[in-house]
Amino acid sequence: MALIIFGKSRCSLCGTVLAAGEDLVATTHFIADETDPLWRYSDSGMHRRCFLAWEHRPNFVAKYNAIAGQHVWGNGTRERMELDGTIVVEPVRPPTAR
């Protein structure tokens, strides 16, 4: 997850300092390609209000789910981002036998 230092870290969308108690969206580093236009927003924090107004939000959410959302953790769960930036942890169902 993004390392956020309240009072120092800035919203990756609007550039203002993030304060404790603000509603934030933050992700881990999930875009490895530095030439990807969304790379700078991976492993960053942003105000949820900025995220909700961001024109690239649907693409960012889709990319998060395509990359980070495919990782299955040791406890049998994976993380999925909803369109509002909320990260949902869900169990991975094993394939059914035929």
N, C-alpha and C. Protein backbone atom coordinates (compact mmCIF):
# COMPACT_ATOMS: atom_id res chain seq x y z
N MET A 1 0.85 -1.17 0.00
CA MET A 1 0.00 0.00 0.00
C MET A 1 0.90 1.23 0.00
N ALA A 2 0.39 2.29 -0.54
CA ALA A 2 1.14 3.53 -0.63
C ALA A 2 1.53 4.01 0.77
N LEU A 3 2.75 4.50 0.90
CA LEU A 3 3.20 5.08 2.15
C LEU A 3 2.75 6.53 2.16
N ILE A 4 1.89 6.86 3.10
CA ILE A 4 1.35 8.22 3.19
C ILE A 4 1.76 8.81 4.52
N ILE A 5 2.38 9.97 4.48
CA ILE A 5 2.75 10.71 5.69
C ILE A 5 1.84 11.93 5.73
N PHE A 6 0.85 11.87 6.63
CA PHE A 6 -0.10 12.98 6.72
C PHE A 6 0.64 14.27 7.05
N GLY A 7 0.24 15.32 6.36
CA GLY A 7 0.89 16.62 6.53
C GLY A 7 2.09 16.81 5.61
N LYS A 8 2.49 15.76 4.88
CA LYS A 8 3.64 15.86 3.96
C LYS A 8 3.31 15.29 2.58
N SER A 9 2.70 14.11 2.54
CA SER A 9 2.37 13.49 1.25
C SER A 9 1.30 14.30 0.55
N ARG A 10 1.38 14.31 -0.78
CA ARG A 10 0.43 15.09 -1.57
C ARG A 10 -0.48 14.18 -2.37
N CYS A 11 -1.67 14.65 -2.60
CA CYS A 11 -2.62 13.94 -3.47
C CYS A 11 -2.01 13.88 -4.86
N SER A 12 -1.97 12.68 -5.43
CA SER A 12 -1.36 12.53 -6.75
C SER A 12 -2.22 13.14 -7.86
N LEU A 13 -3.42 13.57 -7.54
CA LEU A 13 -4.29 14.20 -8.54
C LEU A 13 -4.33 15.72 -8.43
N CYS A 14 -4.55 16.25 -7.23
CA CYS A 14 -4.68 17.70 -7.10
C CYS A 14 -3.42 18.37 -6.55
N GLY A 15 -2.53 17.58 -5.94
CA GLY A 15 -1.27 18.11 -5.45
C GLY A 15 -1.31 18.71 -4.05
N THR A 16 -2.48 18.78 -3.42
CA THR A 16 -2.53 19.34 -2.06
C THR A 16 -2.13 18.27 -1.05
N VAL A 17 -1.67 18.73 0.10
CA VAL A 17 -1.19 17.84 1.15
C VAL A 17 -2.35 17.03 1.72
N LEU A 18 -2.10 15.75 1.95
CA LEU A 18 -3.10 14.85 2.53
C LEU A 18 -3.08 14.98 4.05
N ALA A 19 -4.25 15.09 4.64
CA ALA A 19 -4.37 15.27 6.08
C ALA A 19 -5.03 14.05 6.71
N ALA A 20 -4.69 13.79 7.96
CA ALA A 20 -5.32 12.69 8.70
C ALA A 20 -6.82 12.92 8.74
N GLY A 21 -7.56 11.84 8.60
CA GLY A 21 -9.01 11.91 8.67
C GLY A 21 -9.69 12.14 7.33
N GLU A 22 -8.92 12.45 6.29
CA GLU A 22 -9.52 12.64 4.97
C GLU A 22 -9.85 11.28 4.35
N ASP A 23 -10.88 11.26 3.53
CA ASP A 23 -11.27 10.04 2.82
C ASP A 23 -10.34 9.89 1.63
N LEU A 24 -9.54 8.82 1.63
CA LEU A 24 -8.51 8.64 0.61
C LEU A 24 -8.69 7.35 -0.17
N VAL A 25 -8.10 7.33 -1.34
CA VAL A 25 -7.92 6.13 -2.15
C VAL A 25 -6.42 5.95 -2.26
N ALA A 26 -5.93 4.74 -2.00
CA ALA A 26 -4.50 4.47 -2.10
C ALA A 26 -4.31 3.04 -2.59
N THR A 27 -3.29 2.85 -3.40
CA THR A 27 -3.01 1.52 -3.92
C THR A 27 -1.55 1.16 -3.68
N THR A 28 -1.29 -0.09 -3.84
CA THR A 28 0.08 -0.57 -3.86
C THR A 28 0.66 -0.27 -5.24
N HIS A 29 1.96 -0.49 -5.39
CA HIS A 29 2.60 -0.33 -6.70
C HIS A 29 2.18 -1.51 -7.56
N PHE A 30 1.37 -1.26 -8.57
CA PHE A 30 0.90 -2.37 -9.40
C PHE A 30 1.16 -2.17 -10.88
N ILE A 31 1.59 -0.98 -11.30
CA ILE A 31 1.93 -0.74 -12.70
C ILE A 31 3.44 -0.63 -12.80
N ALA A 32 4.07 -1.62 -13.42
CA ALA A 32 5.52 -1.66 -13.51
C ALA A 32 6.08 -0.81 -14.65
N ASP A 33 5.30 -0.64 -15.69
CA ASP A 33 5.75 0.05 -16.90
C ASP A 33 5.74 1.57 -16.69
N GLU A 34 6.91 2.17 -16.56
CA GLU A 34 7.01 3.61 -16.32
C GLU A 34 6.51 4.46 -17.48
N THR A 35 6.33 3.86 -18.65
CA THR A 35 5.80 4.61 -19.79
C THR A 35 4.26 4.61 -19.81
N ASP A 36 3.66 3.82 -18.95
CA ASP A 36 2.20 3.78 -18.86
C ASP A 36 1.72 5.11 -18.29
N PRO A 37 0.77 5.78 -18.91
CA PRO A 37 0.31 7.08 -18.42
C PRO A 37 -0.30 7.03 -17.02
N LEU A 38 -0.69 5.85 -16.56
CA LEU A 38 -1.25 5.73 -15.21
C LEU A 38 -0.21 5.34 -14.16
N TRP A 39 1.02 5.10 -14.59
CA TRP A 39 2.09 4.63 -13.70
C TRP A 39 2.26 5.51 -12.47
N ARG A 40 2.27 6.83 -12.64
CA ARG A 40 2.54 7.73 -11.51
C ARG A 40 1.45 7.69 -10.44
N TYR A 41 0.30 7.13 -10.75
CA TYR A 41 -0.80 7.05 -9.78
C TYR A 41 -0.81 5.72 -9.03
N SER A 42 -0.03 4.75 -9.53
CA SER A 42 0.15 3.48 -8.85
C SER A 42 1.06 3.73 -7.66
N ASP A 43 0.74 3.15 -6.51
CA ASP A 43 1.50 3.36 -5.28
C ASP A 43 1.44 4.82 -4.84
N SER A 44 0.25 5.39 -4.89
CA SER A 44 0.06 6.77 -4.45
C SER A 44 -1.24 6.89 -3.68
N GLY A 45 -1.40 8.01 -3.04
CA GLY A 45 -2.64 8.31 -2.34
C GLY A 45 -3.30 9.52 -2.98
N MET A 46 -4.61 9.54 -2.93
CA MET A 46 -5.36 10.66 -3.50
C MET A 46 -6.66 10.83 -2.72
N HIS A 47 -7.14 12.07 -2.70
CA HIS A 47 -8.44 12.31 -2.07
C HIS A 47 -9.50 11.53 -2.84
N ARG A 48 -10.44 10.94 -2.13
CA ARG A 48 -11.51 10.21 -2.82
C ARG A 48 -12.31 11.17 -3.70
N ARG A 49 -12.52 12.42 -3.25
CA ARG A 49 -13.27 13.38 -4.07
C ARG A 49 -12.54 13.66 -5.37
N CYS A 50 -11.22 13.71 -5.34
CA CYS A 50 -10.44 13.90 -6.57
C CYS A 50 -10.54 12.67 -7.45
N PHE A 51 -10.44 11.50 -6.83
CA PHE A 51 -10.52 10.24 -7.56
C PHE A 51 -11.86 10.11 -8.28
N LEU A 52 -12.94 10.45 -7.58
CA LEU A 52 -14.28 10.32 -8.16
C LEU A 52 -14.49 11.24 -9.36
N ALA A 53 -13.78 12.36 -9.39
CA ALA A 53 -13.91 13.32 -10.50
C ALA A 53 -12.89 13.10 -11.60
N TRP A 54 -11.96 12.19 -11.40
CA TRP A 54 -10.85 11.95 -12.32
C TRP A 54 -11.33 11.29 -13.61
N GLU A 55 -10.97 11.88 -14.72
CA GLU A 55 -11.41 11.35 -16.02
C GLU A 55 -10.85 9.96 -16.33
N HIS A 56 -9.72 9.60 -15.73
CA HIS A 56 -9.08 8.31 -16.00
C HIS A 56 -9.46 7.23 -14.97
N ARG A 57 -10.38 7.55 -14.08
CA ARG A 57 -10.77 6.61 -13.02
C ARG A 57 -11.22 5.25 -13.57
N PRO A 58 -12.11 5.18 -14.56
CA PRO A 58 -12.53 3.84 -15.05
C PRO A 58 -11.35 3.02 -15.58
N ASN A 59 -10.43 3.65 -16.28
CA ASN A 59 -9.25 2.95 -16.80
C ASN A 59 -8.34 2.48 -15.67
N PHE A 60 -8.16 3.34 -14.66
CA PHE A 60 -7.32 3.00 -13.52
C PHE A 60 -7.90 1.81 -12.76
N VAL A 61 -9.19 1.84 -12.51
CA VAL A 61 -9.86 0.74 -11.80
C VAL A 61 -9.74 -0.55 -12.61
N ALA A 62 -9.98 -0.48 -13.91
CA ALA A 62 -9.87 -1.67 -14.75
C ALA A 62 -8.46 -2.23 -14.74
N LYS A 63 -7.47 -1.35 -14.80
CA LYS A 63 -6.08 -1.81 -14.80
C LYS A 63 -5.72 -2.42 -13.44
N TYR A 64 -6.18 -1.81 -12.36
CA TYR A 64 -5.93 -2.37 -11.02
C TYR A 64 -6.49 -3.79 -10.94
N ASN A 65 -7.73 -3.95 -11.39
CA ASN A 65 -8.38 -5.26 -11.30
C ASN A 65 -7.73 -6.28 -12.23
N ALA A 66 -7.22 -5.83 -13.37
CA ALA A 66 -6.57 -6.74 -14.31
C ALA A 66 -5.19 -7.18 -13.82
N ILE A 67 -4.52 -6.33 -13.06
CA ILE A 67 -3.16 -6.64 -12.60
C ILE A 67 -3.18 -7.09 -11.14
N ALA A 68 -3.44 -6.18 -10.23
CA ALA A 68 -3.40 -6.51 -8.80
C ALA A 68 -4.54 -7.44 -8.40
N GLY A 69 -5.66 -7.29 -9.07
CA GLY A 69 -6.82 -8.10 -8.73
C GLY A 69 -6.69 -9.57 -9.09
N GLN A 70 -5.67 -9.91 -9.85
CA GLN A 70 -5.46 -11.30 -10.23
C GLN A 70 -4.56 -12.06 -9.25
N HIS A 71 -3.91 -11.32 -8.36
CA HIS A 71 -3.01 -11.95 -7.38
C HIS A 71 -3.83 -12.62 -6.28
N VAL A 72 -3.60 -13.90 -6.07
CA VAL A 72 -4.27 -14.62 -4.99
C VAL A 72 -3.30 -14.71 -3.83
N TRP A 73 -3.72 -14.18 -2.70
CA TRP A 73 -2.90 -14.18 -1.49
C TRP A 73 -2.90 -15.56 -0.85
N GLY A 74 -1.96 -15.80 0.04
CA GLY A 74 -1.81 -17.09 0.71
C GLY A 74 -3.05 -17.53 1.48
N ASN A 75 -3.89 -16.58 1.86
CA ASN A 75 -5.10 -16.94 2.60
C ASN A 75 -6.29 -17.22 1.66
N GLY A 76 -6.02 -17.28 0.34
CA GLY A 76 -7.07 -17.62 -0.61
C GLY A 76 -7.98 -16.47 -0.98
N THR A 77 -7.49 -15.24 -0.82
CA THR A 77 -8.30 -14.07 -1.18
C THR A 77 -7.60 -13.26 -2.26
N ARG A 78 -8.35 -12.40 -2.88
CA ARG A 78 -7.78 -11.42 -3.81
C ARG A 78 -8.49 -10.10 -3.56
N GLU A 79 -7.89 -9.02 -4.05
CA GLU A 79 -8.45 -7.69 -3.86
C GLU A 79 -9.02 -7.19 -5.17
N ARG A 80 -10.19 -6.57 -5.10
CA ARG A 80 -10.84 -5.99 -6.27
C ARG A 80 -11.18 -4.54 -5.94
N MET A 81 -10.92 -3.65 -6.88
CA MET A 81 -11.26 -2.25 -6.68
C MET A 81 -12.61 -1.97 -7.31
N GLU A 82 -13.47 -1.32 -6.54
CA GLU A 82 -14.76 -0.89 -7.05
C GLU A 82 -14.59 0.47 -7.72
N LEU A 83 -15.57 0.90 -8.48
CA LEU A 83 -15.46 2.13 -9.25
C LEU A 83 -15.25 3.37 -8.39
N ASP A 84 -15.63 3.31 -7.11
CA ASP A 84 -15.41 4.45 -6.22
C ASP A 84 -14.04 4.42 -5.54
N GLY A 85 -13.22 3.41 -5.87
CA GLY A 85 -11.88 3.30 -5.30
C GLY A 85 -11.78 2.42 -4.07
N THR A 86 -12.90 1.93 -3.60
CA THR A 86 -12.90 1.02 -2.46
C THR A 86 -12.27 -0.30 -2.86
N ILE A 87 -11.39 -0.83 -2.01
CA ILE A 87 -10.77 -2.12 -2.25
C ILE A 87 -11.55 -3.16 -1.46
N VAL A 88 -12.05 -4.16 -2.16
CA VAL A 88 -12.83 -5.23 -1.55
C VAL A 88 -11.98 -6.50 -1.56
N VAL A 89 -11.88 -7.14 -0.41
CA VAL A 89 -11.18 -8.42 -0.31
C VAL A 89 -12.22 -9.52 -0.45
N GLU A 90 -11.98 -10.41 -1.41
CA GLU A 90 -12.96 -11.46 -1.64
C GLU A 90 -12.27 -12.82 -1.74
N PRO A 91 -12.95 -13.86 -1.28
CA PRO A 91 -12.37 -15.20 -1.39
C PRO A 91 -12.32 -15.66 -2.84
N VAL A 92 -11.32 -16.42 -3.15
CA VAL A 92 -11.20 -17.00 -4.48
C VAL A 92 -11.80 -18.39 -4.41
N ARG A 93 -12.76 -18.63 -5.26
CA ARG A 93 -13.41 -19.94 -5.27
C ARG A 93 -12.59 -20.90 -6.13
N PRO A 94 -12.27 -22.05 -5.56
CA PRO A 94 -11.53 -23.03 -6.37
C PRO A 94 -12.42 -23.51 -7.52
N PRO A 95 -11.80 -23.89 -8.63
CA PRO A 95 -12.60 -24.41 -9.75
C PRO A 95 -13.37 -25.65 -9.33
N THR A 96 -14.57 -25.77 -9.84
CA THR A 96 -15.38 -26.94 -9.50
C THR A 96 -14.94 -28.13 -10.36
N ALA A 97 -14.97 -29.31 -9.75
CA ALA A 97 -14.60 -30.54 -10.46
C ALA A 97 -15.75 -30.96 -11.35
N ARG A 98 -15.42 -31.53 -12.47
CA ARG A 98 -16.45 -32.01 -13.39
C ARG A 98 -16.51 -33.49 -13.37
